[in-house]
Each structure stands twice: as C-alpha cells, then as structure tokens.
C-alpha cells in the first residue's frame, strides 16, 4: 500500500516537473517511501515506549547510537512488522535494560573493553555493512565510513566508561553492542539480508 501511494505521488511529481529524469524520480520515490513508511512506525514505537515507561530513554538510545549506525550500516528488516519488532528490541529493549541493570565500576570496564574489541573486529570485517537496496560501492566512501566507525565506537565507549550517570553509560554500552551485532554476517543470514557491495561485485 505504501509503495502504491509513493508511486502515484512520484508520477504526479514527474507530470508537474518533466525535467526530472528516471534516476531522480527513483530517489524521490525512495525518499517518499521512507517518510510515509517510517512515520507510523515511530508513532507505534513511541506508544510502546510509553507503555514501558521509557520514552525519553528510548529516544536517547536512538540519538546516542545513530552516528555509529549511520557510518557502520546494518541489517534492514523487509517487512513493517519485522522492522517494528526489531527496532523495539534495539532501542526500547536497550532502554529497559539500561534502566534496571547496575554495573559495578570493574564490571563496566571489563564489559566495555569486550564490546570495544568485538566492535573493532566486526568493523574490520563488515563495516560499512550495506544492503542490496542501498549498496556502497565506491572504495573511498567505504574506507571513510570504516574509519569513522572505528573513531565513533571508540569515543562512544570512552564516554561510557567515564560518565557518572549509570543509565546513560549503559545506553552507550548496550547500544554499541547491539549495533555491532547488526552489522555481523550472522545477523544478515538470520534476517535474509545480503551485503550490497558483495552482490553487485558478483554481478560485475
């Protein structure tokens, strides 16, 4: 239904603006699908977060990890329901865990070091983890995003170690771990995703 609406809107835009070529029309259609398709999801996620009484923490979980996710990539669920479930686990689940788990100083350092080492390995192997829908094929862009992934994950976890607020620290640690898992081959296999650069490299 969302796709049909976006196709109609794209056709209408092309009629009003004949100078738009096929490539630009495809980009417009993709943008419309993101806006129209994602808006109801955020409303649902907000309602779920309110039910669990963690709307602010869920928003912070999203805000804190977004820079790392933007540069490192990760899986995308192919259905709206699957996406809602996964996003709820990713952000709302992180908020609930962060609110209720208390880590001692030594435990926090040990877990943070583990998450950091695991993240560096996964970044080295898979970042930026693209998809078939949005492949990252340019070597320069891939290199830049990989380097930024190393930098952002290191800064995020350093903040997590030194910040005094336990909940915020947990949000950073658990969020980093979840995002790192999201770029792993294991997650791509169980969600039936493929790395876009590998698919298109095989085709060329």
C-alpha atoms as a PDB file:
ATOM      1  CA  UNK A   1       0.000   0.000   0.000  1.00  0.00           C
ATOM      2  CA  UNK A   2       2.798   2.424   0.925  1.00  0.00           C
ATOM      3  CA  UNK A   3       4.615   1.585  -2.306  1.00  0.00           C
ATOM      4  CA  UNK A   4       1.486   2.206  -4.385  1.00  0.00           C
ATOM      5  CA  UNK A   5       0.912   5.603  -2.756  1.00  0.00           C
ATOM      6  CA  UNK A   6       4.543   6.607  -3.298  1.00  0.00           C
ATOM      7  CA  UNK A   7       4.433   5.504  -6.950  1.00  0.00           C
ATOM      8  CA  UNK A   8       1.339   7.657  -7.567  1.00  0.00           C
ATOM      9  CA  UNK A   9       2.945  10.654  -5.859  1.00  0.00           C
ATOM     10  CA  UNK A  10       6.134  10.202  -7.872  1.00  0.00           C
ATOM     11  CA  UNK A  11       4.172  10.071 -11.134  1.00  0.00           C
ATOM     12  CA  UNK A  12       2.306  13.216 -10.159  1.00  0.00           C
ATOM     13  CA  UNK A  13       5.576  14.991  -9.366  1.00  0.00           C
ATOM     14  CA  UNK A  14       7.036  13.948 -12.732  1.00  0.00           C
ATOM     15  CA  UNK A  15       3.981  15.308 -14.547  1.00  0.00           C
ATOM     16  CA  UNK A  16       4.362  18.641 -12.750  1.00  0.00           C
ATOM     17  CA  UNK A  17       8.155  18.664 -13.278  1.00  0.00           C
ATOM     18  CA  UNK A  18       9.017  16.990 -16.642  1.00  0.00           C
ATOM     19  CA  UNK A  19      12.728  17.777 -16.193  1.00  0.00           C
ATOM     20  CA  UNK A  20      13.022  15.038 -13.557  1.00  0.00           C
ATOM     21  CA  UNK A  21      14.794  12.040 -15.077  1.00  0.00           C
ATOM     22  CA  UNK A  22      14.419   8.365 -14.104  1.00  0.00           C
ATOM     23  CA  UNK A  23      17.316   8.438 -11.639  1.00  0.00           C
ATOM     24  CA  UNK A  24      15.995  11.465  -9.753  1.00  0.00           C
ATOM     25  CA  UNK A  25      12.478  10.030  -9.815  1.00  0.00           C
ATOM     26  CA  UNK A  26      13.767   6.833  -8.223  1.00  0.00           C
ATOM     27  CA  UNK A  27      15.483   8.859  -5.494  1.00  0.00           C
ATOM     28  CA  UNK A  28      12.283  10.833  -4.866  1.00  0.00           C
ATOM     29  CA  UNK A  29      10.252   7.630  -4.693  1.00  0.00           C
ATOM     30  CA  UNK A  30      12.697   6.132  -2.191  1.00  0.00           C
ATOM     31  CA  UNK A  31      12.538   9.268  -0.042  1.00  0.00           C
ATOM     32  CA  UNK A  32       8.730   9.245  -0.084  1.00  0.00           C
ATOM     33  CA  UNK A  33       8.693   5.598   0.967  1.00  0.00           C
ATOM     34  CA  UNK A  34      10.963   6.409   3.892  1.00  0.00           C
ATOM     35  CA  UNK A  35       8.823   9.336   5.041  1.00  0.00           C
ATOM     36  CA  UNK A  36       5.413   7.718   4.577  1.00  0.00           C
ATOM     37  CA  UNK A  37       6.510   4.243   5.617  1.00  0.00           C
ATOM     38  CA  UNK A  38       8.526   5.225   8.680  1.00  0.00           C
ATOM     39  CA  UNK A  39       6.176   7.810  10.247  1.00  0.00           C
ATOM     40  CA  UNK A  40       3.577   5.274  11.508  1.00  0.00           C
ATOM     41  CA  UNK A  41       6.399   3.124  12.888  1.00  0.00           C
ATOM     42  CA  UNK A  42       7.690   5.953  15.048  1.00  0.00           C
ATOM     43  CA  UNK A  43       4.190   6.549  16.417  1.00  0.00           C
ATOM     44  CA  UNK A  44       3.837   2.859  17.282  1.00  0.00           C
ATOM     45  CA  UNK A  45       7.312   2.769  18.826  1.00  0.00           C
ATOM     46  CA  UNK A  46       6.530   5.852  20.912  1.00  0.00           C
ATOM     47  CA  UNK A  47       3.340   4.212  22.204  1.00  0.00           C
ATOM     48  CA  UNK A  48       5.262   1.036  23.094  1.00  0.00           C
ATOM     49  CA  UNK A  49       7.955   3.091  24.826  1.00  0.00           C
ATOM     50  CA  UNK A  50       5.273   4.907  26.832  1.00  0.00           C
ATOM     51  CA  UNK A  51       3.701   1.592  27.861  1.00  0.00           C
ATOM     52  CA  UNK A  52       7.065   0.501  29.281  1.00  0.00           C
ATOM     53  CA  UNK A  53       7.598   3.996  30.724  1.00  0.00           C
ATOM     54  CA  UNK A  54      10.851   4.625  28.883  1.00  0.00           C
ATOM     55  CA  UNK A  55      10.008   7.144  26.104  1.00  0.00           C
ATOM     56  CA  UNK A  56      12.871   9.522  26.930  1.00  0.00           C
ATOM     57  CA  UNK A  57      15.419   6.739  27.399  1.00  0.00           C
ATOM     58  CA  UNK A  58      14.331   5.112  24.124  1.00  0.00           C
ATOM     59  CA  UNK A  59      14.810   8.422  22.334  1.00  0.00           C
ATOM     60  CA  UNK A  60      18.254   8.814  23.914  1.00  0.00           C
ATOM     61  CA  UNK A  61      19.144   5.247  22.894  1.00  0.00           C
ATOM     62  CA  UNK A  62      18.294   6.186  19.300  1.00  0.00           C
ATOM     63  CA  UNK A  63      20.121   9.517  19.489  1.00  0.00           C
ATOM     64  CA  UNK A  64      23.316   8.122  21.009  1.00  0.00           C
ATOM     65  CA  UNK A  65      23.769   5.245  18.573  1.00  0.00           C
ATOM     66  CA  UNK A  66      22.592   6.985  15.391  1.00  0.00           C
ATOM     67  CA  UNK A  67      26.074   8.345  14.466  1.00  0.00           C
ATOM     68  CA  UNK A  68      27.580   4.849  14.727  1.00  0.00           C
ATOM     69  CA  UNK A  69      24.696   3.305  12.772  1.00  0.00           C
ATOM     70  CA  UNK A  70      24.927   5.907  10.001  1.00  0.00           C
ATOM     71  CA  UNK A  71      28.575   5.091   9.260  1.00  0.00           C
ATOM     72  CA  UNK A  72      28.617   1.346  10.068  1.00  0.00           C
ATOM     73  CA  UNK A  73      25.287   0.367   8.450  1.00  0.00           C
ATOM     74  CA  UNK A  74      23.489  -2.832   9.389  1.00  0.00           C
ATOM     75  CA  UNK A  75      20.579  -5.102   8.549  1.00  0.00           C
ATOM     76  CA  UNK A  76      17.166  -3.873   7.469  1.00  0.00           C
ATOM     77  CA  UNK A  77      14.056  -5.951   8.075  1.00  0.00           C
ATOM     78  CA  UNK A  78      11.970  -6.445   4.927  1.00  0.00           C
ATOM     79  CA  UNK A  79       8.506  -6.163   6.499  1.00  0.00           C
ATOM     80  CA  UNK A  80       6.972  -3.335   8.507  1.00  0.00           C
ATOM     81  CA  UNK A  81       6.064  -5.657  11.383  1.00  0.00           C
ATOM     82  CA  UNK A  82       9.561  -7.127  11.459  1.00  0.00           C
ATOM     83  CA  UNK A  83      11.045  -3.648  11.439  1.00  0.00           C
ATOM     84  CA  UNK A  84       8.848  -2.526  14.342  1.00  0.00           C
ATOM     85  CA  UNK A  85       9.752  -5.600  16.399  1.00  0.00           C
ATOM     86  CA  UNK A  86      13.474  -5.248  15.680  1.00  0.00           C
ATOM     87  CA  UNK A  87      13.527  -1.520  16.380  1.00  0.00           C
ATOM     88  CA  UNK A  88      11.586  -2.039  19.617  1.00  0.00           C
ATOM     89  CA  UNK A  89      14.153  -4.584  20.778  1.00  0.00           C
ATOM     90  CA  UNK A  90      17.011  -2.377  19.623  1.00  0.00           C
ATOM     91  CA  UNK A  91      16.013   0.889  21.279  1.00  0.00           C
ATOM     92  CA  UNK A  92      13.212   0.201  23.767  1.00  0.00           C
ATOM     93  CA  UNK A  93      14.877  -3.035  24.914  1.00  0.00           C
ATOM     94  CA  UNK A  94      18.123  -1.131  25.381  1.00  0.00           C
ATOM     95  CA  UNK A  95      16.313   1.500  27.439  1.00  0.00           C
ATOM     96  CA  UNK A  96      14.668  -1.103  29.705  1.00  0.00           C
ATOM     97  CA  UNK A  97      17.943  -2.969  30.269  1.00  0.00           C
ATOM     98  CA  UNK A  98      19.858   0.248  30.904  1.00  0.00           C
ATOM     99  CA  UNK A  99      17.300   1.399  33.437  1.00  0.00           C
ATOM    100  CA  UNK A 100      17.358  -1.787  35.516  1.00  0.00           C
ATOM    101  CA  UNK A 101      20.914  -3.145  35.242  1.00  0.00           C
ATOM    102  CA  UNK A 102      23.521  -1.726  37.588  1.00  0.00           C
ATOM    103  CA  UNK A 103      27.154  -2.432  36.723  1.00  0.00           C
ATOM    104  CA  UNK A 104      29.942  -2.017  39.235  1.00  0.00           C
ATOM    105  CA  UNK A 105      32.947   0.019  38.082  1.00  0.00           C
ATOM    106  CA  UNK A 106      35.118  -3.031  37.393  1.00  0.00           C
ATOM    107  CA  UNK A 107      32.282  -4.863  35.624  1.00  0.00           C
ATOM    108  CA  UNK A 108      31.588  -1.819  33.474  1.00  0.00           C
ATOM    109  CA  UNK A 109      35.223  -1.515  32.384  1.00  0.00           C
ATOM    110  CA  UNK A 110      35.524  -5.232  31.579  1.00  0.00           C
ATOM    111  CA  UNK A 111      32.268  -5.279  29.564  1.00  0.00           C
ATOM    112  CA  UNK A 112      33.195  -2.050  27.771  1.00  0.00           C
ATOM    113  CA  UNK A 113      36.608  -3.415  26.748  1.00  0.00           C
ATOM    114  CA  UNK A 114      34.949  -6.595  25.469  1.00  0.00           C
ATOM    115  CA  UNK A 115      32.390  -4.584  23.457  1.00  0.00           C
ATOM    116  CA  UNK A 116      35.157  -2.359  22.082  1.00  0.00           C
ATOM    117  CA  UNK A 117      37.335  -5.280  20.925  1.00  0.00           C
ATOM    118  CA  UNK A 118      34.320  -7.104  19.463  1.00  0.00           C
ATOM    119  CA  UNK A 119      33.234  -3.929  17.659  1.00  0.00           C
ATOM    120  CA  UNK A 120      36.690  -3.335  16.191  1.00  0.00           C
ATOM    121  CA  UNK A 121      36.760  -6.870  14.817  1.00  0.00           C
ATOM    122  CA  UNK A 122      33.271  -6.598  13.307  1.00  0.00           C
ATOM    123  CA  UNK A 123      34.041  -3.178  11.822  1.00  0.00           C
ATOM    124  CA  UNK A 124      37.223  -4.559  10.274  1.00  0.00           C
ATOM    125  CA  UNK A 125      35.302  -7.456   8.731  1.00  0.00           C
ATOM    126  CA  UNK A 126      31.974  -5.916   7.699  1.00  0.00           C
ATOM    127  CA  UNK A 127      31.677  -2.124   8.051  1.00  0.00           C
ATOM    128  CA  UNK A 128      30.164  -0.342   6.326  1.00  0.00           C
ATOM    129  CA  UNK A 129      27.508  -3.050   6.201  1.00  0.00           C
ATOM    130  CA  UNK A 130      25.315  -2.056   3.259  1.00  0.00           C
ATOM    131  CA  UNK A 131      22.243  -3.684   1.716  1.00  0.00           C
ATOM    132  CA  UNK A 132      21.083  -4.642  -1.773  1.00  0.00           C
ATOM    133  CA  UNK A 133      18.689  -1.677  -1.772  1.00  0.00           C
ATOM    134  CA  UNK A 134      21.404   0.846  -0.900  1.00  0.00           C
ATOM    135  CA  UNK A 135      24.835  -0.597  -1.817  1.00  0.00           C
ATOM    136  CA  UNK A 136      28.048   1.278  -1.034  1.00  0.00           C
ATOM    137  CA  UNK A 137      30.306   0.569  -3.991  1.00  0.00           C
ATOM    138  CA  UNK A 138      32.839   3.412  -4.006  1.00  0.00           C
ATOM    139  CA  UNK A 139      36.089   2.407  -2.307  1.00  0.00           C
ATOM    140  CA  UNK A 140      36.719   5.900  -0.945  1.00  0.00           C
ATOM    141  CA  UNK A 141      33.295   6.060   0.692  1.00  0.00           C
ATOM    142  CA  UNK A 142      33.706   2.584   2.181  1.00  0.00           C
ATOM    143  CA  UNK A 143      37.122   3.485   3.586  1.00  0.00           C
ATOM    144  CA  UNK A 144      35.864   6.756   5.066  1.00  0.00           C
ATOM    145  CA  UNK A 145      32.884   5.102   6.766  1.00  0.00           C
ATOM    146  CA  UNK A 146      35.061   2.310   8.132  1.00  0.00           C
ATOM    147  CA  UNK A 147      37.497   4.811   9.657  1.00  0.00           C
ATOM    148  CA  UNK A 148      34.629   6.854  11.095  1.00  0.00           C
ATOM    149  CA  UNK A 149      33.154   3.658  12.567  1.00  0.00           C
ATOM    150  CA  UNK A 150      36.419   2.991  14.430  1.00  0.00           C
ATOM    151  CA  UNK A 151      36.531   6.564  15.721  1.00  0.00           C
ATOM    152  CA  UNK A 152      32.885   6.843  16.753  1.00  0.00           C
ATOM    153  CA  UNK A 153      32.736   3.478  18.527  1.00  0.00           C
ATOM    154  CA  UNK A 154      35.917   4.302  20.461  1.00  0.00           C
ATOM    155  CA  UNK A 155      34.700   7.749  21.527  1.00  0.00           C
ATOM    156  CA  UNK A 156      31.262   6.372  22.466  1.00  0.00           C
ATOM    157  CA  UNK A 157      32.719   3.696  24.711  1.00  0.00           C
ATOM    158  CA  UNK A 158      35.246   6.083  26.290  1.00  0.00           C
ATOM    159  CA  UNK A 159      32.331   8.324  27.249  1.00  0.00           C
ATOM    160  CA  UNK A 160      30.515   5.282  28.636  1.00  0.00           C
ATOM    161  CA  UNK A 161      33.470   4.450  30.885  1.00  0.00           C
ATOM    162  CA  UNK A 162      33.974   7.918  32.318  1.00  0.00           C
ATOM    163  CA  UNK A 163      30.416   9.245  32.546  1.00  0.00           C
ATOM    164  CA  UNK A 164      28.957   9.070  36.046  1.00  0.00           C
ATOM    165  CA  UNK A 165      25.326   8.527  35.084  1.00  0.00           C
ATOM    166  CA  UNK A 166      24.857   4.744  35.188  1.00  0.00           C
ATOM    167  CA  UNK A 167      21.807   4.659  32.908  1.00  0.00           C
ATOM    168  CA  UNK A 168      23.411   6.809  30.206  1.00  0.00           C
ATOM    169  CA  UNK A 169      26.564   4.715  30.432  1.00  0.00           C
ATOM    170  CA  UNK A 170      24.513   1.550  29.948  1.00  0.00           C
ATOM    171  CA  UNK A 171      22.678   3.035  26.968  1.00  0.00           C
ATOM    172  CA  UNK A 172      26.002   3.693  25.254  1.00  0.00           C
ATOM    173  CA  UNK A 173      27.488   0.269  26.021  1.00  0.00           C
ATOM    174  CA  UNK A 174      24.427  -1.856  25.197  1.00  0.00           C
ATOM    175  CA  UNK A 175      23.547   0.269  22.175  1.00  0.00           C
ATOM    176  CA  UNK A 176      27.045  -0.109  20.753  1.00  0.00           C
ATOM    177  CA  UNK A 177      26.908  -3.865  21.265  1.00  0.00           C
ATOM    178  CA  UNK A 178      23.512  -4.180  19.559  1.00  0.00           C
ATOM    179  CA  UNK A 179      24.586  -2.033  16.612  1.00  0.00           C
ATOM    180  CA  UNK A 180      27.779  -4.034  16.203  1.00  0.00           C
ATOM    181  CA  UNK A 181      25.770  -7.258  16.142  1.00  0.00           C
ATOM    182  CA  UNK A 182      23.535  -5.652  13.485  1.00  0.00           C
ATOM    183  CA  UNK A 183      26.457  -5.432  11.023  1.00  0.00           C
ATOM    184  CA  UNK A 184      27.625  -9.021  11.558  1.00  0.00           C
ATOM    185  CA  UNK A 185      27.229 -11.725   8.931  1.00  0.00           C
ATOM    186  CA  UNK A 186      25.270 -13.804  11.458  1.00  0.00           C
ATOM    187  CA  UNK A 187      22.524 -11.149  11.598  1.00  0.00           C
ATOM    188  CA  UNK A 188      22.498 -10.839   7.807  1.00  0.00           C
ATOM    189  CA  UNK A 189      21.993 -14.587   7.493  1.00  0.00           C
ATOM    190  CA  UNK A 190      19.144 -14.905  10.026  1.00  0.00           C
ATOM    191  CA  UNK A 191      17.339 -11.850   8.596  1.00  0.00           C
ATOM    192  CA  UNK A 192      17.835 -12.977   4.977  1.00  0.00           C
ATOM    193  CA  UNK A 193      19.840  -9.860   4.079  1.00  0.00           C
ATOM    194  CA  UNK A 194      22.824  -9.606   1.742  1.00  0.00           C
ATOM    195  CA  UNK A 195      25.699  -7.160   1.755  1.00  0.00           C
ATOM    196  CA  UNK A 196      25.011  -4.934  -1.230  1.00  0.00           C
ATOM    197  CA  UNK A 197      28.631  -4.463  -2.302  1.00  0.00           C
ATOM    198  CA  UNK A 198      29.130  -8.236  -2.417  1.00  0.00           C
ATOM    199  CA  UNK A 199      26.012  -8.789  -4.544  1.00  0.00           C
ATOM    200  CA  UNK A 200      26.871  -6.098  -7.093  1.00  0.00           C
ATOM    201  CA  UNK A 201      30.521  -7.059  -7.146  1.00  0.00           C
ATOM    202  CA  UNK A 202      29.476 -10.567  -8.159  1.00  0.00           C
ATOM    203  CA  UNK A 203      27.248  -9.162 -10.886  1.00  0.00           C
ATOM    204  CA  UNK A 204      30.016  -7.107 -12.500  1.00  0.00           C
END
